[in-house]
Every structure is written in C-alpha cells, then in structure tokens.
C-alpha cells in the first residue's frame, strides 16, 4: 500500500472536504460540511492532512485569529481538529503534521494555543506546548428566568442565530480584528 500523501488548504476540493468532514464526524461528532455550506469556513481555517487516495486519514488544522490580550493586538494561531483515522494511528502522522504547521508558521504569530482532552496531554509537550489551567463558568437558569433579560440559547444550526452571534462579536470593541 502506498504511503498517505500530504495536502493542505483544500477547502474548495469537494471530495477532500467531505472526507475531512466524515473523519471529523467520526472523531468529534462535528459536521464541517454543514459549516462550509453555511459560509463559515473561510481562508483563516487551514487543514493540514494526510490522504490515502481520496480519503483524509489524519489532520491538524490551523485557525488564524487576531486577538487583543491585555490591550495589545496579537496574531494568534489555534491548533484544532487533530485527528487520525483508527486504521492509521501509531504511524506518526499527527506528529508529522504538527511539525509541518510549526515550520510553516514559525515567526508568524504571537500566540499559539490549543485545547486538549486528558487522553492526549502527553502528545503536545513534544512540540513546546505547556498545560495551563482553564476556568469554566456556568449558571443554571430556566428559559423563563432568562426571558426578561433578553438572553436566550442560540441554535448553531440556525443561520440567523449564527449571523446574530457573528454580528454581536464583530460589534464588541474587545474583539476587533486588524
């Protein structure tokens, strides 16, 4: 069998994009095809993948962001959608993809971060990442308690709700991009 081939930034390649989405659905239960169809996959989200034929078998994605941290504008890279098809695990594909990302983005960002679950915490320190504590704040409230405030749960499958969120995000001065 031929070795998987490296590809990146194939957002508009329908076959690879849909294969990527199948792998993401099987790994994380996330539909990227739906995200693409609704116009939310832009040029700032770049998958780095290995493919076997027309099947994406491993991936590390880059999401470039502009952040304001303590009042200063920062170029940020978020690493995400790190996944490997079960038949291709333990071959070093994810490590190879991480190295390609780090090489491509060397000296091009102020902050690089990712979110990891417990099962992979030993993987990322090999690439210079350090674990940090994160906080999660929640509040239990019923819809009737929230109704007078105008706060409501957004439905990410509703295009109007997504556009409302994006417009709110863009209008908040803490989140302006360069």
N, C-alpha and C. Protein backbone atom coordinates (compact mmCIF):
# COMPACT_ATOMS: atom_id res chain seq x y z
N UNK A 1 0.84 -1.19 0.00
CA UNK A 1 0.00 0.00 0.00
C UNK A 1 0.88 1.25 0.00
N UNK A 2 0.50 2.21 -0.80
CA UNK A 2 1.23 3.47 -0.90
C UNK A 2 1.06 4.28 0.38
N UNK A 3 2.09 5.05 0.74
CA UNK A 3 2.03 5.89 1.93
C UNK A 3 1.03 7.04 1.71
N UNK A 4 0.36 7.49 2.78
CA UNK A 4 -0.53 8.66 2.65
C UNK A 4 0.24 9.87 2.16
N UNK A 5 -0.43 10.71 1.39
CA UNK A 5 0.16 11.91 0.81
C UNK A 5 -0.30 13.15 1.58
N UNK A 6 0.61 14.13 1.72
CA UNK A 6 0.31 15.37 2.42
C UNK A 6 -0.43 16.34 1.51
N UNK A 7 -1.49 16.96 2.04
CA UNK A 7 -2.22 18.03 1.36
C UNK A 7 -2.62 19.06 2.41
N UNK A 8 -2.82 20.29 1.97
CA UNK A 8 -3.32 21.31 2.89
C UNK A 8 -4.22 22.29 2.13
N UNK A 9 -5.03 22.97 2.91
CA UNK A 9 -5.85 24.06 2.40
C UNK A 9 -6.70 23.66 1.19
N UNK A 10 -7.52 22.66 1.38
CA UNK A 10 -8.33 22.11 0.28
C UNK A 10 -9.82 22.42 0.48
N UNK A 11 -10.11 23.53 1.07
CA UNK A 11 -11.49 23.93 1.37
C UNK A 11 -12.42 23.77 0.17
N UNK A 12 -11.98 24.12 -1.01
CA UNK A 12 -12.85 24.09 -2.18
C UNK A 12 -12.76 22.80 -2.99
N UNK A 13 -12.03 21.82 -2.49
CA UNK A 13 -11.98 20.49 -3.11
C UNK A 13 -13.08 19.65 -2.45
N UNK A 14 -14.19 19.50 -3.13
CA UNK A 14 -15.37 18.87 -2.54
C UNK A 14 -15.10 17.46 -2.01
N UNK A 15 -14.36 16.67 -2.74
CA UNK A 15 -14.10 15.28 -2.33
C UNK A 15 -13.31 15.25 -1.03
N UNK A 16 -12.20 16.00 -0.97
CA UNK A 16 -11.38 16.00 0.25
C UNK A 16 -12.09 16.68 1.41
N UNK A 17 -12.80 17.77 1.13
CA UNK A 17 -13.52 18.47 2.19
C UNK A 17 -14.57 17.56 2.82
N UNK A 18 -15.30 16.83 2.00
CA UNK A 18 -16.32 15.94 2.53
C UNK A 18 -15.69 14.77 3.28
N UNK A 19 -14.55 14.27 2.82
CA UNK A 19 -13.85 13.21 3.53
C UNK A 19 -13.35 13.72 4.88
N UNK A 20 -12.82 14.95 4.90
CA UNK A 20 -12.41 15.60 6.15
C UNK A 20 -13.59 15.65 7.13
N UNK A 21 -14.74 16.04 6.61
CA UNK A 21 -15.93 16.15 7.45
C UNK A 21 -16.36 14.79 8.00
N UNK A 22 -16.24 13.75 7.18
CA UNK A 22 -16.58 12.40 7.65
C UNK A 22 -15.66 11.99 8.80
N UNK A 23 -14.35 12.26 8.65
CA UNK A 23 -13.41 11.93 9.72
C UNK A 23 -13.71 12.75 10.98
N UNK A 24 -14.03 14.03 10.81
CA UNK A 24 -14.36 14.88 11.96
C UNK A 24 -15.64 14.40 12.65
N UNK A 25 -16.61 13.97 11.86
CA UNK A 25 -17.85 13.46 12.43
C UNK A 25 -17.57 12.18 13.22
N UNK A 26 -16.76 11.30 12.66
CA UNK A 26 -16.44 10.06 13.35
C UNK A 26 -15.59 10.26 14.59
N UNK A 27 -14.77 11.28 14.59
CA UNK A 27 -13.87 11.54 15.70
C UNK A 27 -14.50 12.43 16.77
N UNK A 28 -15.11 13.54 16.35
CA UNK A 28 -15.60 14.55 17.29
C UNK A 28 -17.11 14.79 17.22
N UNK A 29 -17.79 14.13 16.28
CA UNK A 29 -19.21 14.37 16.04
C UNK A 29 -19.48 15.83 15.67
N UNK A 30 -18.59 16.36 14.80
CA UNK A 30 -18.71 17.73 14.30
C UNK A 30 -18.86 17.66 12.78
N UNK A 31 -19.84 18.40 12.24
CA UNK A 31 -20.03 18.42 10.80
C UNK A 31 -19.42 19.68 10.20
N UNK A 32 -18.26 19.54 9.57
CA UNK A 32 -17.64 20.67 8.91
C UNK A 32 -18.28 20.96 7.56
N UNK A 33 -18.89 19.97 6.96
CA UNK A 33 -19.55 20.21 5.67
C UNK A 33 -20.69 21.20 5.85
N UNK A 34 -21.43 21.03 6.91
CA UNK A 34 -22.52 21.97 7.21
C UNK A 34 -21.96 23.37 7.44
N UNK A 35 -20.87 23.45 8.16
CA UNK A 35 -20.19 24.72 8.43
C UNK A 35 -19.76 25.37 7.11
N UNK A 36 -19.19 24.57 6.22
CA UNK A 36 -18.77 25.07 4.91
C UNK A 36 -19.98 25.57 4.11
N UNK A 37 -21.02 24.76 4.03
CA UNK A 37 -22.21 25.10 3.24
C UNK A 37 -22.86 26.39 3.72
N UNK A 38 -22.74 26.69 4.99
CA UNK A 38 -23.33 27.92 5.55
C UNK A 38 -22.39 29.12 5.41
N UNK A 39 -21.22 28.90 4.80
CA UNK A 39 -20.30 30.00 4.52
C UNK A 39 -19.37 30.38 5.66
N UNK A 40 -19.20 29.50 6.64
CA UNK A 40 -18.37 29.84 7.79
C UNK A 40 -16.95 29.31 7.73
N UNK A 41 -16.62 28.52 6.72
CA UNK A 41 -15.24 28.03 6.55
C UNK A 41 -14.56 29.03 5.64
N UNK A 42 -13.72 29.89 6.20
CA UNK A 42 -13.06 30.91 5.39
C UNK A 42 -11.57 30.61 5.24
N UNK A 43 -10.84 31.55 4.67
CA UNK A 43 -9.41 31.34 4.37
C UNK A 43 -8.54 31.28 5.61
N UNK A 44 -9.09 31.58 6.78
CA UNK A 44 -8.30 31.55 8.01
C UNK A 44 -8.28 30.17 8.67
N UNK A 45 -9.07 29.25 8.16
CA UNK A 45 -9.09 27.88 8.68
C UNK A 45 -8.43 26.98 7.65
N UNK A 46 -7.27 26.43 7.98
CA UNK A 46 -6.49 25.66 7.02
C UNK A 46 -6.21 24.26 7.56
N UNK A 47 -6.79 23.23 6.92
CA UNK A 47 -6.47 21.87 7.34
C UNK A 47 -5.14 21.41 6.72
N UNK A 48 -4.34 20.76 7.52
CA UNK A 48 -3.12 20.07 7.10
C UNK A 48 -3.44 18.59 7.25
N UNK A 49 -3.42 17.85 6.17
CA UNK A 49 -3.90 16.47 6.23
C UNK A 49 -2.99 15.51 5.48
N UNK A 50 -3.13 14.26 5.85
CA UNK A 50 -2.62 13.15 5.05
C UNK A 50 -3.84 12.47 4.45
N UNK A 51 -3.73 12.15 3.16
CA UNK A 51 -4.82 11.46 2.47
C UNK A 51 -4.30 10.16 1.87
N UNK A 52 -5.18 9.19 1.86
CA UNK A 52 -4.93 7.92 1.19
C UNK A 52 -5.97 7.84 0.08
N UNK A 53 -5.53 7.98 -1.17
CA UNK A 53 -6.48 8.08 -2.27
C UNK A 53 -7.25 9.38 -2.13
N UNK A 54 -8.56 9.28 -1.95
CA UNK A 54 -9.38 10.48 -1.74
C UNK A 54 -9.96 10.53 -0.32
N UNK A 55 -9.32 9.81 0.61
CA UNK A 55 -9.79 9.77 1.99
C UNK A 55 -8.80 10.48 2.91
N UNK A 56 -9.29 11.47 3.66
CA UNK A 56 -8.46 12.12 4.68
C UNK A 56 -8.30 11.14 5.83
N UNK A 57 -7.04 10.82 6.18
CA UNK A 57 -6.79 9.83 7.22
C UNK A 57 -6.17 10.43 8.48
N UNK A 58 -5.63 11.65 8.38
CA UNK A 58 -5.08 12.33 9.55
C UNK A 58 -5.13 13.83 9.29
N UNK A 59 -5.26 14.61 10.36
CA UNK A 59 -5.41 16.04 10.19
C UNK A 59 -4.95 16.81 11.42
N UNK A 60 -4.39 18.00 11.17
CA UNK A 60 -4.15 19.04 12.17
C UNK A 60 -4.55 20.33 11.48
N UNK A 61 -5.49 21.06 12.04
CA UNK A 61 -5.93 22.31 11.41
C UNK A 61 -5.38 23.53 12.13
N UNK A 62 -5.24 24.60 11.35
CA UNK A 62 -4.78 25.89 11.84
C UNK A 62 -5.92 26.88 11.66
N UNK A 63 -6.19 27.63 12.71
CA UNK A 63 -7.17 28.71 12.63
C UNK A 63 -6.43 29.98 13.03
N UNK A 64 -6.24 30.91 12.10
CA UNK A 64 -5.53 32.15 12.43
C UNK A 64 -6.53 33.19 12.93
N UNK A 65 -6.14 33.85 13.99
CA UNK A 65 -7.02 34.79 14.67
C UNK A 65 -6.26 36.06 15.02
N UNK A 66 -6.99 37.14 15.18
CA UNK A 66 -6.44 38.37 15.73
C UNK A 66 -7.08 38.55 17.10
N UNK A 67 -6.26 38.63 18.13
CA UNK A 67 -6.76 38.75 19.50
C UNK A 67 -6.24 40.04 20.12
N UNK A 68 -6.95 40.51 21.13
CA UNK A 68 -6.46 41.60 21.97
C UNK A 68 -6.23 40.99 23.34
N UNK A 69 -4.98 41.01 23.79
CA UNK A 69 -4.61 40.45 25.08
C UNK A 69 -3.99 41.57 25.91
N UNK A 70 -4.64 41.87 27.03
CA UNK A 70 -4.20 42.95 27.90
C UNK A 70 -3.98 44.24 27.12
N UNK A 71 -4.93 44.53 26.23
CA UNK A 71 -4.91 45.77 25.47
C UNK A 71 -4.01 45.79 24.24
N UNK A 72 -3.30 44.71 23.97
CA UNK A 72 -2.40 44.67 22.82
C UNK A 72 -2.92 43.71 21.76
N UNK A 73 -2.85 44.15 20.51
CA UNK A 73 -3.24 43.31 19.39
C UNK A 73 -2.22 42.19 19.21
N UNK A 74 -2.70 40.95 19.08
CA UNK A 74 -1.82 39.79 18.92
C UNK A 74 -2.28 38.94 17.75
N UNK A 75 -1.30 38.41 17.00
CA UNK A 75 -1.60 37.42 15.96
C UNK A 75 -1.59 36.06 16.64
N UNK A 76 -2.66 35.32 16.49
CA UNK A 76 -2.77 34.04 17.18
C UNK A 76 -3.04 32.92 16.19
N UNK A 77 -2.57 31.74 16.57
CA UNK A 77 -2.82 30.52 15.83
C UNK A 77 -3.45 29.53 16.81
N UNK A 78 -4.62 29.05 16.46
CA UNK A 78 -5.24 27.98 17.24
C UNK A 78 -5.08 26.68 16.47
N UNK A 79 -4.55 25.68 17.15
CA UNK A 79 -4.44 24.34 16.57
C UNK A 79 -5.70 23.58 16.94
N UNK A 80 -6.29 22.90 15.99
CA UNK A 80 -7.51 22.16 16.29
C UNK A 80 -7.75 21.02 15.32
N UNK A 81 -8.81 20.32 15.55
CA UNK A 81 -9.24 19.19 14.73
C UNK A 81 -8.08 18.22 14.48
N UNK A 82 -7.34 17.93 15.56
CA UNK A 82 -6.25 16.96 15.47
C UNK A 82 -6.89 15.58 15.57
N UNK A 83 -6.77 14.82 14.49
CA UNK A 83 -7.47 13.53 14.44
C UNK A 83 -6.78 12.60 13.45
N UNK A 84 -6.89 11.32 13.73
CA UNK A 84 -6.35 10.29 12.84
C UNK A 84 -7.35 9.15 12.78
N UNK A 85 -7.61 8.69 11.58
CA UNK A 85 -8.50 7.53 11.40
C UNK A 85 -7.91 6.36 12.17
N UNK A 86 -8.74 5.56 12.85
CA UNK A 86 -8.23 4.44 13.66
C UNK A 86 -7.28 3.50 12.91
N UNK A 87 -7.50 3.28 11.63
CA UNK A 87 -6.63 2.38 10.86
C UNK A 87 -5.24 2.95 10.59
N UNK A 88 -5.04 4.25 10.87
CA UNK A 88 -3.77 4.90 10.55
C UNK A 88 -3.05 5.43 11.79
N UNK A 89 -3.54 5.08 12.96
CA UNK A 89 -2.92 5.55 14.20
C UNK A 89 -1.60 4.85 14.45
N UNK A 90 -0.76 5.51 15.26
CA UNK A 90 0.55 4.99 15.67
C UNK A 90 1.54 4.92 14.51
N UNK A 91 1.37 5.78 13.53
CA UNK A 91 2.31 5.86 12.40
C UNK A 91 3.06 7.19 12.39
N UNK A 92 2.78 8.06 13.36
CA UNK A 92 3.45 9.35 13.42
C UNK A 92 2.86 10.42 12.52
N UNK A 93 1.67 10.17 11.99
CA UNK A 93 1.07 11.13 11.05
C UNK A 93 0.73 12.46 11.73
N UNK A 94 0.13 12.42 12.90
CA UNK A 94 -0.22 13.67 13.60
C UNK A 94 1.04 14.44 13.99
N UNK A 95 2.06 13.74 14.44
CA UNK A 95 3.32 14.41 14.80
C UNK A 95 3.93 15.07 13.56
N UNK A 96 3.91 14.38 12.45
CA UNK A 96 4.42 14.95 11.21
C UNK A 96 3.65 16.20 10.81
N UNK A 97 2.33 16.16 10.94
CA UNK A 97 1.50 17.32 10.61
C UNK A 97 1.77 18.48 11.57
N UNK A 98 1.92 18.19 12.85
CA UNK A 98 2.25 19.25 13.82
C UNK A 98 3.56 19.92 13.43
N UNK A 99 4.56 19.13 13.04
CA UNK A 99 5.84 19.70 12.64
C UNK A 99 5.71 20.57 11.39
N UNK A 100 4.88 20.15 10.44
CA UNK A 100 4.66 20.96 9.24
C UNK A 100 4.01 22.30 9.59
N UNK A 101 3.03 22.27 10.49
CA UNK A 101 2.37 23.51 10.92
C UNK A 101 3.38 24.43 11.61
N UNK A 102 4.15 23.88 12.54
CA UNK A 102 5.12 24.70 13.26
C UNK A 102 6.15 25.30 12.31
N UNK A 103 6.57 24.54 11.32
CA UNK A 103 7.53 25.04 10.33
C UNK A 103 6.91 26.15 9.48
N UNK A 104 5.68 25.94 9.00
CA UNK A 104 5.01 26.94 8.16
C UNK A 104 4.73 28.25 8.89
N UNK A 105 4.46 28.17 10.19
CA UNK A 105 4.06 29.36 10.93
C UNK A 105 5.16 29.92 11.83
N UNK A 106 6.36 29.41 11.69
CA UNK A 106 7.47 29.91 12.50
C UNK A 106 7.60 31.42 12.33
N UNK A 107 7.68 32.14 13.43
CA UNK A 107 7.84 33.60 13.47
C UNK A 107 6.67 34.36 12.83
N UNK A 108 5.50 33.74 12.72
CA UNK A 108 4.35 34.42 12.11
C UNK A 108 3.21 34.65 13.10
N UNK A 109 3.43 34.42 14.37
CA UNK A 109 2.37 34.57 15.35
C UNK A 109 2.94 35.01 16.69
N UNK A 110 2.09 35.60 17.51
CA UNK A 110 2.47 35.99 18.87
C UNK A 110 2.05 34.93 19.88
N UNK A 111 0.95 34.25 19.58
CA UNK A 111 0.37 33.27 20.49
C UNK A 111 -0.07 32.06 19.68
N UNK A 112 0.27 30.87 20.17
CA UNK A 112 -0.25 29.64 19.58
C UNK A 112 -0.85 28.83 20.73
N UNK A 113 -2.06 28.32 20.52
CA UNK A 113 -2.71 27.58 21.59
C UNK A 113 -3.59 26.49 21.01
N UNK A 114 -4.02 25.59 21.90
CA UNK A 114 -4.94 24.53 21.53
C UNK A 114 -5.67 24.08 22.78
N UNK A 115 -6.72 23.33 22.57
CA UNK A 115 -7.46 22.71 23.66
C UNK A 115 -7.28 21.21 23.51
N UNK A 116 -6.96 20.53 24.60
CA UNK A 116 -6.69 19.10 24.53
C UNK A 116 -7.48 18.37 25.61
N UNK A 117 -7.87 17.14 25.30
CA UNK A 117 -8.51 16.33 26.33
C UNK A 117 -7.44 15.52 27.06
N UNK A 118 -7.85 14.91 28.15
CA UNK A 118 -6.92 14.18 29.01
C UNK A 118 -6.12 13.12 28.27
N UNK A 119 -6.69 12.49 27.27
CA UNK A 119 -6.04 11.35 26.61
C UNK A 119 -4.82 11.74 25.78
N UNK A 120 -4.65 13.02 25.48
CA UNK A 120 -3.53 13.43 24.61
C UNK A 120 -2.60 14.46 25.27
N UNK A 121 -2.71 14.62 26.56
CA UNK A 121 -1.90 15.64 27.23
C UNK A 121 -0.40 15.38 27.14
N UNK A 122 0.01 14.14 26.93
CA UNK A 122 1.43 13.85 26.79
C UNK A 122 1.95 14.08 25.37
N UNK A 123 1.06 14.26 24.40
CA UNK A 123 1.45 14.44 23.00
C UNK A 123 1.99 15.85 22.74
N UNK A 124 1.30 16.88 23.21
CA UNK A 124 1.60 18.26 22.83
C UNK A 124 2.88 18.84 23.43
N UNK A 125 3.33 18.44 24.61
CA UNK A 125 4.60 18.99 25.11
C UNK A 125 5.79 18.71 24.19
N UNK A 126 5.72 17.67 23.38
CA UNK A 126 6.80 17.38 22.41
C UNK A 126 7.01 18.53 21.44
N UNK A 127 5.98 19.37 21.29
CA UNK A 127 6.04 20.46 20.33
C UNK A 127 6.14 21.82 21.01
N UNK A 128 6.43 21.80 22.32
CA UNK A 128 6.62 23.04 23.06
C UNK A 128 5.40 23.57 23.78
N UNK A 129 4.29 22.87 23.72
CA UNK A 129 3.08 23.32 24.42
C UNK A 129 3.16 22.97 25.90
N UNK A 130 2.58 23.83 26.72
CA UNK A 130 2.51 23.60 28.15
C UNK A 130 1.05 23.63 28.58
N UNK A 131 0.70 22.76 29.50
CA UNK A 131 -0.66 22.75 30.04
C UNK A 131 -0.86 23.97 30.93
N UNK A 132 -2.02 24.58 30.82
CA UNK A 132 -2.40 25.68 31.71
C UNK A 132 -3.80 25.40 32.24
N UNK A 133 -4.07 25.92 33.40
CA UNK A 133 -5.40 25.76 33.97
C UNK A 133 -6.38 26.64 33.21
N UNK A 134 -7.55 26.13 33.02
CA UNK A 134 -8.60 26.95 32.41
C UNK A 134 -9.81 26.93 33.33
N UNK A 135 -10.61 27.95 33.20
CA UNK A 135 -11.78 28.09 34.04
C UNK A 135 -13.04 27.96 33.19
N UNK A 136 -14.05 27.39 33.76
CA UNK A 136 -15.34 27.28 33.11
C UNK A 136 -16.38 27.83 34.07
N UNK A 137 -17.11 28.82 33.62
CA UNK A 137 -18.14 29.43 34.45
C UNK A 137 -19.50 29.13 33.83
N UNK A 138 -20.41 28.65 34.63
CA UNK A 138 -21.75 28.35 34.16
C UNK A 138 -22.78 28.87 35.15
N UNK A 139 -24.00 28.95 34.66
CA UNK A 139 -25.10 29.37 35.52
C UNK A 139 -26.32 28.56 35.11
N UNK A 140 -26.96 27.93 36.06
CA UNK A 140 -28.20 27.23 35.78
C UNK A 140 -29.33 28.23 35.73
N UNK A 141 -30.08 28.21 34.65
CA UNK A 141 -31.21 29.13 34.51
C UNK A 141 -32.22 28.50 33.57
N UNK A 142 -33.47 28.70 33.87
CA UNK A 142 -34.53 28.22 33.00
C UNK A 142 -34.86 29.30 31.97
N UNK A 143 -35.45 28.93 30.85
CA UNK A 143 -35.83 29.95 29.85
C UNK A 143 -36.72 31.04 30.45
N UNK A 144 -37.61 30.69 31.37
CA UNK A 144 -38.49 31.71 31.96
C UNK A 144 -37.70 32.70 32.82
N UNK A 145 -36.61 32.25 33.44
CA UNK A 145 -35.77 33.16 34.21
C UNK A 145 -34.99 34.11 33.29
N UNK A 146 -34.62 33.62 32.12
CA UNK A 146 -33.82 34.42 31.20
C UNK A 146 -34.67 35.35 30.33
N UNK A 147 -35.92 35.02 30.13
CA UNK A 147 -36.78 35.78 29.21
C UNK A 147 -36.76 37.29 29.47
N UNK A 148 -36.90 37.75 30.71
CA UNK A 148 -36.88 39.21 30.93
C UNK A 148 -35.56 39.87 30.59
N UNK A 149 -34.47 39.11 30.57
CA UNK A 149 -33.15 39.69 30.29
C UNK A 149 -32.87 39.79 28.80
N UNK A 150 -33.64 39.05 27.98
CA UNK A 150 -33.38 39.01 26.55
C UNK A 150 -32.31 37.99 26.18
N UNK A 151 -31.77 37.30 27.18
CA UNK A 151 -30.77 36.26 26.93
C UNK A 151 -31.50 34.98 26.54
N UNK A 152 -30.98 34.32 25.51
CA UNK A 152 -31.55 33.04 25.11
C UNK A 152 -30.46 32.16 24.54
N UNK A 153 -30.69 30.88 24.51
CA UNK A 153 -29.74 29.93 23.94
C UNK A 153 -29.77 30.05 22.42
N UNK A 154 -28.60 30.16 21.82
CA UNK A 154 -28.51 30.21 20.37
C UNK A 154 -28.48 28.79 19.81
N UNK A 155 -29.06 28.64 18.65
CA UNK A 155 -29.06 27.37 17.95
C UNK A 155 -28.03 27.48 16.83
N UNK A 156 -26.92 26.73 16.94
CA UNK A 156 -25.85 26.84 15.95
C UNK A 156 -26.26 26.31 14.58
N UNK A 157 -27.38 25.61 14.50
CA UNK A 157 -27.87 25.14 13.21
C UNK A 157 -28.79 26.14 12.54
N UNK A 158 -29.07 27.24 13.21
CA UNK A 158 -29.93 28.28 12.68
C UNK A 158 -29.05 29.40 12.12
N UNK A 159 -29.12 29.63 10.81
CA UNK A 159 -28.27 30.64 10.16
C UNK A 159 -28.49 32.02 10.78
N UNK A 160 -29.73 32.38 11.10
CA UNK A 160 -29.99 33.68 11.70
C UNK A 160 -29.30 33.82 13.05
N UNK A 161 -29.34 32.76 13.87
CA UNK A 161 -28.65 32.79 15.16
C UNK A 161 -27.14 32.93 14.97
N UNK A 162 -26.57 32.21 13.99
CA UNK A 162 -25.14 32.31 13.74
C UNK A 162 -24.76 33.72 13.29
N UNK A 163 -25.54 34.29 12.40
CA UNK A 163 -25.26 35.66 11.95
C UNK A 163 -25.42 36.65 13.09
N UNK A 164 -26.40 36.44 13.94
CA UNK A 164 -26.59 37.31 15.10
C UNK A 164 -25.37 37.26 16.01
N UNK A 165 -24.87 36.05 16.25
CA UNK A 165 -23.67 35.89 17.08
C UNK A 165 -22.48 36.59 16.44
N UNK A 166 -22.27 36.37 15.16
CA UNK A 166 -21.12 36.97 14.46
C UNK A 166 -21.23 38.49 14.48
N UNK A 167 -22.41 39.03 14.23
CA UNK A 167 -22.58 40.49 14.26
C UNK A 167 -22.32 41.05 15.65
N UNK A 168 -22.76 40.35 16.68
CA UNK A 168 -22.51 40.77 18.05
C UNK A 168 -21.02 40.73 18.35
N UNK A 169 -20.37 39.67 17.92
CA UNK A 169 -18.92 39.51 18.10
C UNK A 169 -18.17 40.66 17.43
N UNK A 170 -18.54 40.95 16.20
CA UNK A 170 -17.84 41.99 15.43
C UNK A 170 -18.08 43.39 16.01
N UNK A 171 -19.21 43.61 16.63
CA UNK A 171 -19.52 44.94 17.15
C UNK A 171 -18.92 45.18 18.53
N UNK A 172 -18.42 44.14 19.20
CA UNK A 172 -17.82 44.28 20.53
C UNK A 172 -16.38 44.77 20.37
N UNK A 173 -16.06 45.91 20.95
CA UNK A 173 -14.74 46.52 20.77
C UNK A 173 -13.61 45.64 21.26
N UNK A 174 -13.86 44.69 22.15
CA UNK A 174 -12.79 43.83 22.63
C UNK A 174 -12.34 42.83 21.58
N UNK A 175 -13.13 42.65 20.50
CA UNK A 175 -12.84 41.60 19.54
C UNK A 175 -12.56 42.10 18.13
N UNK A 176 -12.25 43.37 17.97
CA UNK A 176 -11.97 43.88 16.63
C UNK A 176 -10.71 43.25 16.08
N UNK A 177 -10.75 42.87 14.82
CA UNK A 177 -9.56 42.33 14.17
C UNK A 177 -8.86 43.43 13.39
N UNK A 178 -7.62 43.16 13.09
CA UNK A 178 -6.82 44.15 12.35
C UNK A 178 -7.22 44.20 10.89
